[in-house]
């Protein structure tokens, strides 16, 4: 059960923006940085609601965030970064929600730039350059996700894993049940907006150097999860674009195997075992793709009344 501590729960009464805005900062053991992040945001935008969702930190994150002027929501046990985002979005009162990290890498000065595109766009994502990625291996993994997302949605996805973004809260609430509790929530949320026909913009930003603590991303652990993330994205957003080409590939192999077998045996009525196997694989991927596409479409028929 969550315990909410209200430190300075200002509401957006005199906001310079045409909508109410809430800033959500998921945090776990960010005592070294969270105070500076909250204070800088509060100094720049004193009228905005700032929510810090503490994922059961074992340091002074809660106390420091509270003293800095944030509304703090604490968890009785650790769940994950994505769960913190979902909790913050549900608790937010603003029409527009901004998600940013508590480690100091996101520059609060970029908040106004992201918000300037809301209206024409429903989600604006701070896109990092190659220099903004922690290492080349993570950059390669993120590039693979961007390529897959671009293929599935038919639009260019420049930085799906960036957690710094602004979006319409009412829209995300429609698809918040799709978001995982872990670190792949940025990819899922961006693809959900694009798949549902909403407008997504990637705005280039410069990442700041981490001011303290360590990244929660573990290369080996997350490496094992990478395949699962890929499969989940495929099944959620456009499975037919993947399964149909695979089905076609096995169908071509079936034809080639049949022709080679017939030429070798001089018997055009005989279906070689390899051709039979490829034919079964063709039918399997075709039917599975249609079924997965139907299930994916049903997920996006959930519209808030």
C-alpha atoms as a PDB file:
ATOM      1  CA  UNK A   1       0.000   0.000   0.000  1.00  0.00           C
ATOM      2  CA  UNK A   2       1.360   3.407  -0.894  1.00  0.00           C
ATOM      3  CA  UNK A   3       1.922   6.194   1.606  1.00  0.00           C
ATOM      4  CA  UNK A   4       1.712   9.732   0.226  1.00  0.00           C
ATOM      5  CA  UNK A   5       3.589  12.590   1.858  1.00  0.00           C
ATOM      6  CA  UNK A   6       2.571  16.067   0.791  1.00  0.00           C
ATOM      7  CA  UNK A   7       5.444  18.479   1.099  1.00  0.00           C
ATOM      8  CA  UNK A   8       4.577  21.296  -1.236  1.00  0.00           C
ATOM      9  CA  UNK A   9       1.652  20.140  -3.307  1.00  0.00           C
ATOM     10  CA  UNK A  10       1.303  23.280  -5.362  1.00  0.00           C
ATOM     11  CA  UNK A  11      -1.257  23.118  -8.112  1.00  0.00           C
ATOM     12  CA  UNK A  12      -0.917  24.733 -11.460  1.00  0.00           C
ATOM     13  CA  UNK A  13      -2.900  27.908 -10.739  1.00  0.00           C
ATOM     14  CA  UNK A  14      -0.781  30.469 -12.611  1.00  0.00           C
ATOM     15  CA  UNK A  15       0.996  28.317 -15.124  1.00  0.00           C
ATOM     16  CA  UNK A  16       2.586  30.033 -18.137  1.00  0.00           C
ATOM     17  CA  UNK A  17       1.400  27.093 -20.229  1.00  0.00           C
ATOM     18  CA  UNK A  18      -2.114  26.711 -21.704  1.00  0.00           C
ATOM     19  CA  UNK A  19      -2.682  23.480 -19.733  1.00  0.00           C
ATOM     20  CA  UNK A  20      -2.014  22.243 -16.232  1.00  0.00           C
ATOM     21  CA  UNK A  21       1.309  20.405 -15.993  1.00  0.00           C
ATOM     22  CA  UNK A  22       2.626  17.771 -13.592  1.00  0.00           C
ATOM     23  CA  UNK A  23       6.232  16.614 -13.418  1.00  0.00           C
ATOM     24  CA  UNK A  24       6.729  12.985 -12.350  1.00  0.00           C
ATOM     25  CA  UNK A  25      10.153  11.788 -11.185  1.00  0.00           C
ATOM     26  CA  UNK A  26      10.508   8.059 -10.394  1.00  0.00           C
ATOM     27  CA  UNK A  27      13.403   7.539  -7.993  1.00  0.00           C
ATOM     28  CA  UNK A  28      15.274   4.715  -6.311  1.00  0.00           C
ATOM     29  CA  UNK A  29      18.264   5.476  -4.089  1.00  0.00           C
ATOM     30  CA  UNK A  30      18.789   8.928  -5.613  1.00  0.00           C
ATOM     31  CA  UNK A  31      19.577  10.785  -2.377  1.00  0.00           C
ATOM     32  CA  UNK A  32      22.719  12.278  -3.926  1.00  0.00           C
ATOM     33  CA  UNK A  33      20.838  13.961  -6.767  1.00  0.00           C
ATOM     34  CA  UNK A  34      17.089  14.138  -6.164  1.00  0.00           C
ATOM     35  CA  UNK A  35      17.242  17.295  -4.040  1.00  0.00           C
ATOM     36  CA  UNK A  36      19.095  19.262  -6.694  1.00  0.00           C
ATOM     37  CA  UNK A  37      16.748  18.072  -9.446  1.00  0.00           C
ATOM     38  CA  UNK A  38      13.595  19.014  -7.529  1.00  0.00           C
ATOM     39  CA  UNK A  39      14.968  22.381  -6.437  1.00  0.00           C
ATOM     40  CA  UNK A  40      16.028  23.331  -9.956  1.00  0.00           C
ATOM     41  CA  UNK A  41      12.641  22.370 -11.389  1.00  0.00           C
ATOM     42  CA  UNK A  42      10.867  24.220  -8.566  1.00  0.00           C
ATOM     43  CA  UNK A  43      13.012  27.321  -9.147  1.00  0.00           C
ATOM     44  CA  UNK A  44      12.295  27.368 -12.870  1.00  0.00           C
ATOM     45  CA  UNK A  45       8.616  26.436 -12.618  1.00  0.00           C
ATOM     46  CA  UNK A  46       7.326  27.240  -9.103  1.00  0.00           C
ATOM     47  CA  UNK A  47       3.710  26.847 -10.199  1.00  0.00           C
ATOM     48  CA  UNK A  48       3.985  23.251 -11.458  1.00  0.00           C
ATOM     49  CA  UNK A  49       3.128  20.100  -9.533  1.00  0.00           C
ATOM     50  CA  UNK A  50       6.214  17.968  -8.842  1.00  0.00           C
ATOM     51  CA  UNK A  51       5.696  14.324  -7.847  1.00  0.00           C
ATOM     52  CA  UNK A  52       8.544  12.066  -6.769  1.00  0.00           C
ATOM     53  CA  UNK A  53       7.650   8.370  -6.662  1.00  0.00           C
ATOM     54  CA  UNK A  54      10.109   6.610  -4.353  1.00  0.00           C
ATOM     55  CA  UNK A  55      10.494   2.910  -5.130  1.00  0.00           C
ATOM     56  CA  UNK A  56      11.337   1.851  -1.558  1.00  0.00           C
ATOM     57  CA  UNK A  57      14.778   3.465  -1.416  1.00  0.00           C
ATOM     58  CA  UNK A  58      17.087   2.511   1.430  1.00  0.00           C
ATOM     59  CA  UNK A  59      18.710   5.932   1.586  1.00  0.00           C
ATOM     60  CA  UNK A  60      17.395   9.431   2.312  1.00  0.00           C
ATOM     61  CA  UNK A  61      15.661   9.945  -1.041  1.00  0.00           C
ATOM     62  CA  UNK A  62      12.229  10.484   0.528  1.00  0.00           C
ATOM     63  CA  UNK A  63      13.390  13.011   3.121  1.00  0.00           C
ATOM     64  CA  UNK A  64      15.521  14.999   0.682  1.00  0.00           C
ATOM     65  CA  UNK A  65      12.817  15.112  -2.014  1.00  0.00           C
ATOM     66  CA  UNK A  66      10.270  16.227   0.579  1.00  0.00           C
ATOM     67  CA  UNK A  67      12.513  18.986   1.887  1.00  0.00           C
ATOM     68  CA  UNK A  68      13.185  20.160  -1.665  1.00  0.00           C
ATOM     69  CA  UNK A  69       9.466  20.770  -2.183  1.00  0.00           C
ATOM     70  CA  UNK A  70       8.131  17.711  -3.997  1.00  0.00           C
ATOM     71  CA  UNK A  71       5.020  15.714  -3.374  1.00  0.00           C
ATOM     72  CA  UNK A  72       6.441  12.318  -2.454  1.00  0.00           C
ATOM     73  CA  UNK A  73       4.719   8.975  -2.954  1.00  0.00           C
ATOM     74  CA  UNK A  74       6.529   6.097  -1.256  1.00  0.00           C
ATOM     75  CA  UNK A  75       6.230   2.377  -1.853  1.00  0.00           C
ATOM     76  CA  UNK A  76       6.394  -0.341   0.813  1.00  0.00           C
ATOM     77  CA  UNK A  77       8.580  -2.475  -1.481  1.00  0.00           C
ATOM     78  CA  UNK A  78      10.565  -2.142  -4.698  1.00  0.00           C
ATOM     79  CA  UNK A  79       8.639  -2.771  -7.926  1.00  0.00           C
ATOM     80  CA  UNK A  80      10.415  -1.027 -10.787  1.00  0.00           C
ATOM     81  CA  UNK A  81      10.894   2.193 -12.710  1.00  0.00           C
ATOM     82  CA  UNK A  82       7.884   1.604 -14.951  1.00  0.00           C
ATOM     83  CA  UNK A  83       5.623   0.998 -11.967  1.00  0.00           C
ATOM     84  CA  UNK A  84       6.806   4.300 -10.516  1.00  0.00           C
ATOM     85  CA  UNK A  85       5.867   6.080 -13.727  1.00  0.00           C
ATOM     86  CA  UNK A  86       2.409   4.519 -13.726  1.00  0.00           C
ATOM     87  CA  UNK A  87       1.863   5.477 -10.084  1.00  0.00           C
ATOM     88  CA  UNK A  88       2.940   9.051 -10.779  1.00  0.00           C
ATOM     89  CA  UNK A  89       0.753   9.400 -13.865  1.00  0.00           C
ATOM     90  CA  UNK A  90      -2.292   8.121 -11.984  1.00  0.00           C
ATOM     91  CA  UNK A  91      -1.627  10.504  -9.095  1.00  0.00           C
ATOM     92  CA  UNK A  92      -0.897  13.550 -11.267  1.00  0.00           C
ATOM     93  CA  UNK A  93      -3.465  16.322 -11.569  1.00  0.00           C
ATOM     94  CA  UNK A  94      -2.046  17.996 -14.667  1.00  0.00           C
ATOM     95  CA  UNK A  95      -3.415  17.611 -18.179  1.00  0.00           C
ATOM     96  CA  UNK A  96       0.171  17.237 -19.409  1.00  0.00           C
ATOM     97  CA  UNK A  97       2.666  15.007 -17.628  1.00  0.00           C
ATOM     98  CA  UNK A  98       6.431  15.281 -17.922  1.00  0.00           C
ATOM     99  CA  UNK A  99       8.593  12.315 -16.930  1.00  0.00           C
ATOM    100  CA  UNK A 100      12.214  12.925 -16.026  1.00  0.00           C
ATOM    101  CA  UNK A 101      14.905  11.015 -14.146  1.00  0.00           C
ATOM    102  CA  UNK A 102      16.067  11.842 -10.658  1.00  0.00           C
ATOM    103  CA  UNK A 103      19.777  11.319 -11.390  1.00  0.00           C
ATOM    104  CA  UNK A 104      20.370  14.782 -12.837  1.00  0.00           C
ATOM    105  CA  UNK A 105      20.954  13.731 -16.453  1.00  0.00           C
ATOM    106  CA  UNK A 106      17.863  15.525 -17.749  1.00  0.00           C
ATOM    107  CA  UNK A 107      18.145  19.287 -17.960  1.00  0.00           C
ATOM    108  CA  UNK A 108      15.047  21.050 -16.527  1.00  0.00           C
ATOM    109  CA  UNK A 109      15.724  23.882 -18.979  1.00  0.00           C
ATOM    110  CA  UNK A 110      14.497  21.531 -21.744  1.00  0.00           C
ATOM    111  CA  UNK A 111      11.052  21.161 -20.160  1.00  0.00           C
ATOM    112  CA  UNK A 112       9.698  24.311 -21.769  1.00  0.00           C
ATOM    113  CA  UNK A 113      11.030  23.230 -25.168  1.00  0.00           C
ATOM    114  CA  UNK A 114       9.265  19.866 -24.940  1.00  0.00           C
ATOM    115  CA  UNK A 115       6.031  21.535 -23.860  1.00  0.00           C
ATOM    116  CA  UNK A 116       6.189  23.995 -26.757  1.00  0.00           C
ATOM    117  CA  UNK A 117       5.360  21.160 -29.170  1.00  0.00           C
ATOM    118  CA  UNK A 118       2.392  19.805 -27.219  1.00  0.00           C
ATOM    119  CA  UNK A 119      -0.698  20.687 -29.204  1.00  0.00           C
ATOM    120  CA  UNK A 120       0.531  19.713 -32.624  1.00  0.00           C
ATOM    121  CA  UNK A 121       1.955  16.587 -30.967  1.00  0.00           C
ATOM    122  CA  UNK A 122       0.533  14.363 -28.248  1.00  0.00           C
ATOM    123  CA  UNK A 123       3.892  13.069 -27.011  1.00  0.00           C
ATOM    124  CA  UNK A 124       7.249  14.828 -27.262  1.00  0.00           C
ATOM    125  CA  UNK A 125      10.349  12.763 -26.455  1.00  0.00           C
ATOM    126  CA  UNK A 126      13.779  14.162 -25.672  1.00  0.00           C
ATOM    127  CA  UNK A 127      15.981  12.377 -28.209  1.00  0.00           C
ATOM    128  CA  UNK A 128      19.610  11.779 -27.222  1.00  0.00           C
ATOM    129  CA  UNK A 129      22.518  11.845 -29.619  1.00  0.00           C
ATOM    130  CA  UNK A 130      25.158   9.089 -29.777  1.00  0.00           C
ATOM    131  CA  UNK A 131      27.183  11.088 -27.238  1.00  0.00           C
ATOM    132  CA  UNK A 132      24.212  10.999 -24.861  1.00  0.00           C
ATOM    133  CA  UNK A 133      24.298   7.194 -24.622  1.00  0.00           C
ATOM    134  CA  UNK A 134      26.298   5.683 -21.758  1.00  0.00           C
ATOM    135  CA  UNK A 135      28.302   3.285 -23.932  1.00  0.00           C
ATOM    136  CA  UNK A 136      28.449   1.950 -27.471  1.00  0.00           C
ATOM    137  CA  UNK A 137      26.857  -1.400 -26.548  1.00  0.00           C
ATOM    138  CA  UNK A 138      23.770   0.269 -25.136  1.00  0.00           C
ATOM    139  CA  UNK A 139      23.684   2.536 -28.173  1.00  0.00           C
ATOM    140  CA  UNK A 140      23.644  -0.521 -30.443  1.00  0.00           C
ATOM    141  CA  UNK A 141      20.814  -2.091 -28.452  1.00  0.00           C
ATOM    142  CA  UNK A 142      18.795   1.120 -28.505  1.00  0.00           C
ATOM    143  CA  UNK A 143      19.419   1.480 -32.240  1.00  0.00           C
ATOM    144  CA  UNK A 144      18.046  -2.024 -32.781  1.00  0.00           C
ATOM    145  CA  UNK A 145      14.909  -1.134 -30.817  1.00  0.00           C
ATOM    146  CA  UNK A 146      14.523   2.094 -32.780  1.00  0.00           C
ATOM    147  CA  UNK A 147      14.790   0.200 -36.056  1.00  0.00           C
ATOM    148  CA  UNK A 148      12.228  -2.381 -34.981  1.00  0.00           C
ATOM    149  CA  UNK A 149       9.853   0.313 -33.729  1.00  0.00           C
ATOM    150  CA  UNK A 150      10.192   2.233 -36.993  1.00  0.00           C
ATOM    151  CA  UNK A 151       9.398  -0.903 -38.984  1.00  0.00           C
ATOM    152  CA  UNK A 152       6.366  -1.812 -36.862  1.00  0.00           C
ATOM    153  CA  UNK A 153       4.804   1.662 -36.811  1.00  0.00           C
ATOM    154  CA  UNK A 154       5.834   2.969 -40.228  1.00  0.00           C
ATOM    155  CA  UNK A 155       7.337   6.158 -38.775  1.00  0.00           C
ATOM    156  CA  UNK A 156      10.889   6.992 -37.737  1.00  0.00           C
ATOM    157  CA  UNK A 157      11.592   6.255 -34.086  1.00  0.00           C
ATOM    158  CA  UNK A 158      14.758   8.085 -33.056  1.00  0.00           C
ATOM    159  CA  UNK A 159      15.106   7.313 -29.339  1.00  0.00           C
ATOM    160  CA  UNK A 160      12.487   4.957 -27.935  1.00  0.00           C
ATOM    161  CA  UNK A 161      14.301   4.354 -24.643  1.00  0.00           C
ATOM    162  CA  UNK A 162      14.588   8.004 -23.605  1.00  0.00           C
ATOM    163  CA  UNK A 163      12.697   8.534 -20.355  1.00  0.00           C
ATOM    164  CA  UNK A 164      12.526  12.334 -20.707  1.00  0.00           C
ATOM    165  CA  UNK A 165       9.189  13.120 -22.327  1.00  0.00           C
ATOM    166  CA  UNK A 166       5.983  15.147 -22.172  1.00  0.00           C
ATOM    167  CA  UNK A 167       2.569  13.738 -23.093  1.00  0.00           C
ATOM    168  CA  UNK A 168      -1.158  14.110 -22.658  1.00  0.00           C
ATOM    169  CA  UNK A 169      -2.108  12.293 -19.469  1.00  0.00           C
ATOM    170  CA  UNK A 170      -5.598  11.369 -20.680  1.00  0.00           C
ATOM    171  CA  UNK A 171      -4.169   9.452 -23.641  1.00  0.00           C
ATOM    172  CA  UNK A 172      -1.603   7.488 -21.661  1.00  0.00           C
ATOM    173  CA  UNK A 173      -4.292   6.451 -19.179  1.00  0.00           C
ATOM    174  CA  UNK A 174      -5.963   4.598 -22.055  1.00  0.00           C
ATOM    175  CA  UNK A 175      -2.898   2.419 -22.533  1.00  0.00           C
ATOM    176  CA  UNK A 176      -1.267   2.469 -19.112  1.00  0.00           C
ATOM    177  CA  UNK A 177      -2.205  -1.197 -18.618  1.00  0.00           C
ATOM    178  CA  UNK A 178       0.202  -2.073 -21.445  1.00  0.00           C
ATOM    179  CA  UNK A 179       3.212  -0.541 -19.707  1.00  0.00           C
ATOM    180  CA  UNK A 180       5.564  -2.986 -17.946  1.00  0.00           C
ATOM    181  CA  UNK A 181       6.796  -2.330 -14.415  1.00  0.00           C
ATOM    182  CA  UNK A 182      10.436  -2.319 -15.463  1.00  0.00           C
ATOM    183  CA  UNK A 183      12.641  -0.251 -17.756  1.00  0.00           C
ATOM    184  CA  UNK A 184      10.964  -0.888 -21.112  1.00  0.00           C
ATOM    185  CA  UNK A 185       8.041   1.433 -20.332  1.00  0.00           C
ATOM    186  CA  UNK A 186       9.423   4.284 -22.551  1.00  0.00           C
ATOM    187  CA  UNK A 187       9.477   2.049 -25.623  1.00  0.00           C
ATOM    188  CA  UNK A 188       6.013   0.646 -24.936  1.00  0.00           C
ATOM    189  CA  UNK A 189       4.392   4.029 -24.304  1.00  0.00           C
ATOM    190  CA  UNK A 190       5.860   5.661 -27.426  1.00  0.00           C
ATOM    191  CA  UNK A 191       4.802   2.769 -29.653  1.00  0.00           C
ATOM    192  CA  UNK A 192       1.329   2.740 -28.087  1.00  0.00           C
ATOM    193  CA  UNK A 193       0.848   6.416 -28.989  1.00  0.00           C
ATOM    194  CA  UNK A 194       2.121   5.844 -32.544  1.00  0.00           C
ATOM    195  CA  UNK A 195       0.119   2.653 -33.052  1.00  0.00           C
ATOM    196  CA  UNK A 196      -3.081   4.383 -31.892  1.00  0.00           C
ATOM    197  CA  UNK A 197      -2.570   7.160 -34.426  1.00  0.00           C
ATOM    198  CA  UNK A 198      -1.427   9.912 -32.072  1.00  0.00           C
ATOM    199  CA  UNK A 199       1.366  12.283 -33.024  1.00  0.00           C
ATOM    200  CA  UNK A 200       4.830  11.645 -31.584  1.00  0.00           C
ATOM    201  CA  UNK A 201       7.787  13.997 -31.930  1.00  0.00           C
ATOM    202  CA  UNK A 202      11.450  13.375 -31.109  1.00  0.00           C
ATOM    203  CA  UNK A 203      13.120  16.605 -30.032  1.00  0.00           C
ATOM    204  CA  UNK A 204      16.957  16.574 -29.845  1.00  0.00           C
ATOM    205  CA  UNK A 205      18.320  17.294 -26.365  1.00  0.00           C
ATOM    206  CA  UNK A 206      21.739  17.237 -24.719  1.00  0.00           C
ATOM    207  CA  UNK A 207      22.145  14.855 -21.798  1.00  0.00           C
ATOM    208  CA  UNK A 208      23.941  16.065 -18.693  1.00  0.00           C
ATOM    209  CA  UNK A 209      26.575  14.020 -16.917  1.00  0.00           C
ATOM    210  CA  UNK A 210      25.211  11.811 -14.132  1.00  0.00           C
ATOM    211  CA  UNK A 211      25.597  13.760 -10.890  1.00  0.00           C
ATOM    212  CA  UNK A 212      25.767  10.770  -8.577  1.00  0.00           C
ATOM    213  CA  UNK A 213      24.807   7.155  -8.001  1.00  0.00           C
ATOM    214  CA  UNK A 214      24.924   4.349 -10.524  1.00  0.00           C
ATOM    215  CA  UNK A 215      22.769   3.354 -13.426  1.00  0.00           C
ATOM    216  CA  UNK A 216      20.065   0.819 -12.513  1.00  0.00           C
ATOM    217  CA  UNK A 217      20.638  -0.847 -15.886  1.00  0.00           C
ATOM    218  CA  UNK A 218      22.749  -4.005 -15.682  1.00  0.00           C
ATOM    219  CA  UNK A 219      24.275  -5.129 -18.961  1.00  0.00           C
ATOM    220  CA  UNK A 220      24.172  -8.902 -18.388  1.00  0.00           C
ATOM    221  CA  UNK A 221      20.782  -8.935 -16.665  1.00  0.00           C
ATOM    222  CA  UNK A 222      19.139  -6.662 -19.215  1.00  0.00           C
ATOM    223  CA  UNK A 223      20.848  -8.501 -22.047  1.00  0.00           C
ATOM    224  CA  UNK A 224      18.790 -11.586 -21.212  1.00  0.00           C
ATOM    225  CA  UNK A 225      15.656  -9.444 -21.157  1.00  0.00           C
ATOM    226  CA  UNK A 226      16.371  -7.886 -24.537  1.00  0.00           C
ATOM    227  CA  UNK A 227      14.904 -10.784 -26.543  1.00  0.00           C
ATOM    228  CA  UNK A 228      11.785 -10.805 -24.366  1.00  0.00           C
ATOM    229  CA  UNK A 229      11.357  -7.070 -24.897  1.00  0.00           C
ATOM    230  CA  UNK A 230      11.674  -7.532 -28.661  1.00  0.00           C
ATOM    231  CA  UNK A 231       9.080 -10.323 -28.704  1.00  0.00           C
ATOM    232  CA  UNK A 232       6.746  -8.320 -26.485  1.00  0.00           C
ATOM    233  CA  UNK A 233       6.957  -5.294 -28.757  1.00  0.00           C
ATOM    234  CA  UNK A 234       6.257  -7.424 -31.812  1.00  0.00           C
ATOM    235  CA  UNK A 235       3.235  -9.130 -30.238  1.00  0.00           C
ATOM    236  CA  UNK A 236       1.796  -5.857 -28.916  1.00  0.00           C
ATOM    237  CA  UNK A 237       2.080  -3.484 -31.840  1.00  0.00           C
ATOM    238  CA  UNK A 238       2.207  -5.070 -35.296  1.00  0.00           C
ATOM    239  CA  UNK A 239       2.841  -8.821 -35.240  1.00  0.00           C
ATOM    240  CA  UNK A 240       1.646  -9.374 -38.792  1.00  0.00           C
ATOM    241  CA  UNK A 241       4.540  -7.277 -40.172  1.00  0.00           C
ATOM    242  CA  UNK A 242       6.939  -9.816 -38.691  1.00  0.00           C
ATOM    243  CA  UNK A 243       5.112 -13.125 -38.979  1.00  0.00           C
ATOM    244  CA  UNK A 244       3.976 -12.625 -42.578  1.00  0.00           C
ATOM    245  CA  UNK A 245       7.524 -12.198 -43.959  1.00  0.00           C
ATOM    246  CA  UNK A 246       8.617 -15.256 -41.962  1.00  0.00           C
ATOM    247  CA  UNK A 247       5.685 -17.208 -43.392  1.00  0.00           C
ATOM    248  CA  UNK A 248       6.631 -16.057 -46.889  1.00  0.00           C
ATOM    249  CA  UNK A 249      10.246 -17.103 -46.315  1.00  0.00           C
ATOM    250  CA  UNK A 250       9.224 -20.655 -45.427  1.00  0.00           C
ATOM    251  CA  UNK A 251       6.841 -20.755 -48.402  1.00  0.00           C
ATOM    252  CA  UNK A 252       9.718 -19.886 -50.759  1.00  0.00           C
ATOM    253  CA  UNK A 253      11.823 -22.612 -49.129  1.00  0.00           C
ATOM    254  CA  UNK A 254       8.915 -25.027 -49.623  1.00  0.00           C
ATOM    255  CA  UNK A 255       8.735 -24.260 -53.352  1.00  0.00           C
ATOM    256  CA  UNK A 256      12.499 -24.557 -53.774  1.00  0.00           C
ATOM    257  CA  UNK A 257      12.586 -27.870 -51.892  1.00  0.00           C
ATOM    258  CA  UNK A 258       9.696 -29.235 -53.922  1.00  0.00           C
ATOM    259  CA  UNK A 259      11.198 -28.252 -57.277  1.00  0.00           C
ATOM    260  CA  UNK A 260      14.643 -29.636 -56.402  1.00  0.00           C
ATOM    261  CA  UNK A 261      13.105 -32.871 -55.118  1.00  0.00           C
ATOM    262  CA  UNK A 262      10.957 -33.277 -58.224  1.00  0.00           C
ATOM    263  CA  UNK A 263      13.878 -32.657 -60.557  1.00  0.00           C
ATOM    264  CA  UNK A 264      16.035 -35.116 -58.637  1.00  0.00           C
ATOM    265  CA  UNK A 265      13.409 -37.898 -58.489  1.00  0.00           C
ATOM    266  CA  UNK A 266      11.669 -37.022 -61.751  1.00  0.00           C
ATOM    267  CA  UNK A 267       8.385 -37.288 -59.841  1.00  0.00           C
ATOM    268  CA  UNK A 268       6.311 -34.102 -59.676  1.00  0.00           C
ATOM    269  CA  UNK A 269       3.660 -35.752 -57.487  1.00  0.00           C
ATOM    270  CA  UNK A 270       6.061 -36.424 -54.617  1.00  0.00           C
ATOM    271  CA  UNK A 271       6.384 -33.891 -51.772  1.00  0.00           C
ATOM    272  CA  UNK A 272       9.801 -34.197 -50.101  1.00  0.00           C
ATOM    273  CA  UNK A 273       9.885 -34.178 -46.261  1.00  0.00           C
ATOM    274  CA  UNK A 274      11.742 -30.861 -46.180  1.00  0.00           C
ATOM    275  CA  UNK A 275       9.113 -29.285 -48.425  1.00  0.00           C
ATOM    276  CA  UNK A 276       6.385 -30.665 -46.164  1.00  0.00           C
ATOM    277  CA  UNK A 277       8.127 -29.238 -43.105  1.00  0.00           C
ATOM    278  CA  UNK A 278       8.423 -25.806 -44.751  1.00  0.00           C
ATOM    279  CA  UNK A 279       4.756 -25.941 -45.800  1.00  0.00           C
ATOM    280  CA  UNK A 280       3.690 -26.654 -42.219  1.00  0.00           C
ATOM    281  CA  UNK A 281       5.926 -23.811 -40.976  1.00  0.00           C
ATOM    282  CA  UNK A 282       4.359 -21.501 -43.566  1.00  0.00           C
ATOM    283  CA  UNK A 283       0.856 -22.281 -42.370  1.00  0.00           C
ATOM    284  CA  UNK A 284       1.881 -22.053 -38.713  1.00  0.00           C
ATOM    285  CA  UNK A 285       3.431 -18.582 -38.977  1.00  0.00           C
ATOM    286  CA  UNK A 286       0.600 -17.351 -41.202  1.00  0.00           C
ATOM    287  CA  UNK A 287      -2.143 -18.451 -38.794  1.00  0.00           C
ATOM    288  CA  UNK A 288      -0.178 -17.372 -35.718  1.00  0.00           C
ATOM    289  CA  UNK A 289       0.421 -13.959 -37.272  1.00  0.00           C
ATOM    290  CA  UNK A 290      -3.277 -13.448 -37.990  1.00  0.00           C
ATOM    291  CA  UNK A 291      -4.215 -14.500 -34.478  1.00  0.00           C
ATOM    292  CA  UNK A 292      -1.596 -12.249 -32.886  1.00  0.00           C
ATOM    293  CA  UNK A 293      -2.670  -9.316 -35.063  1.00  0.00           C
ATOM    294  CA  UNK A 294      -6.306  -9.788 -34.018  1.00  0.00           C
ATOM    295  CA  UNK A 295      -5.370  -9.842 -30.328  1.00  0.00           C
ATOM    296  CA  UNK A 296      -3.152  -6.768 -30.761  1.00  0.00           C
ATOM    297  CA  UNK A 297      -5.989  -4.886 -32.488  1.00  0.00           C
ATOM    298  CA  UNK A 298      -8.387  -5.737 -29.653  1.00  0.00           C
ATOM    299  CA  UNK A 299      -6.003  -4.161 -27.141  1.00  0.00           C
ATOM    300  CA  UNK A 300      -6.250  -0.836 -28.945  1.00  0.00           C
ATOM    301  CA  UNK A 301     -10.037  -0.858 -29.074  1.00  0.00           C
ATOM    302  CA  UNK A 302     -10.100   0.015 -25.381  1.00  0.00           C
ATOM    303  CA  UNK A 303     -11.200   3.667 -25.468  1.00  0.00           C
ATOM    304  CA  UNK A 304     -12.028   5.702 -22.425  1.00  0.00           C
ATOM    305  CA  UNK A 305     -15.597   6.904 -22.371  1.00  0.00           C
END
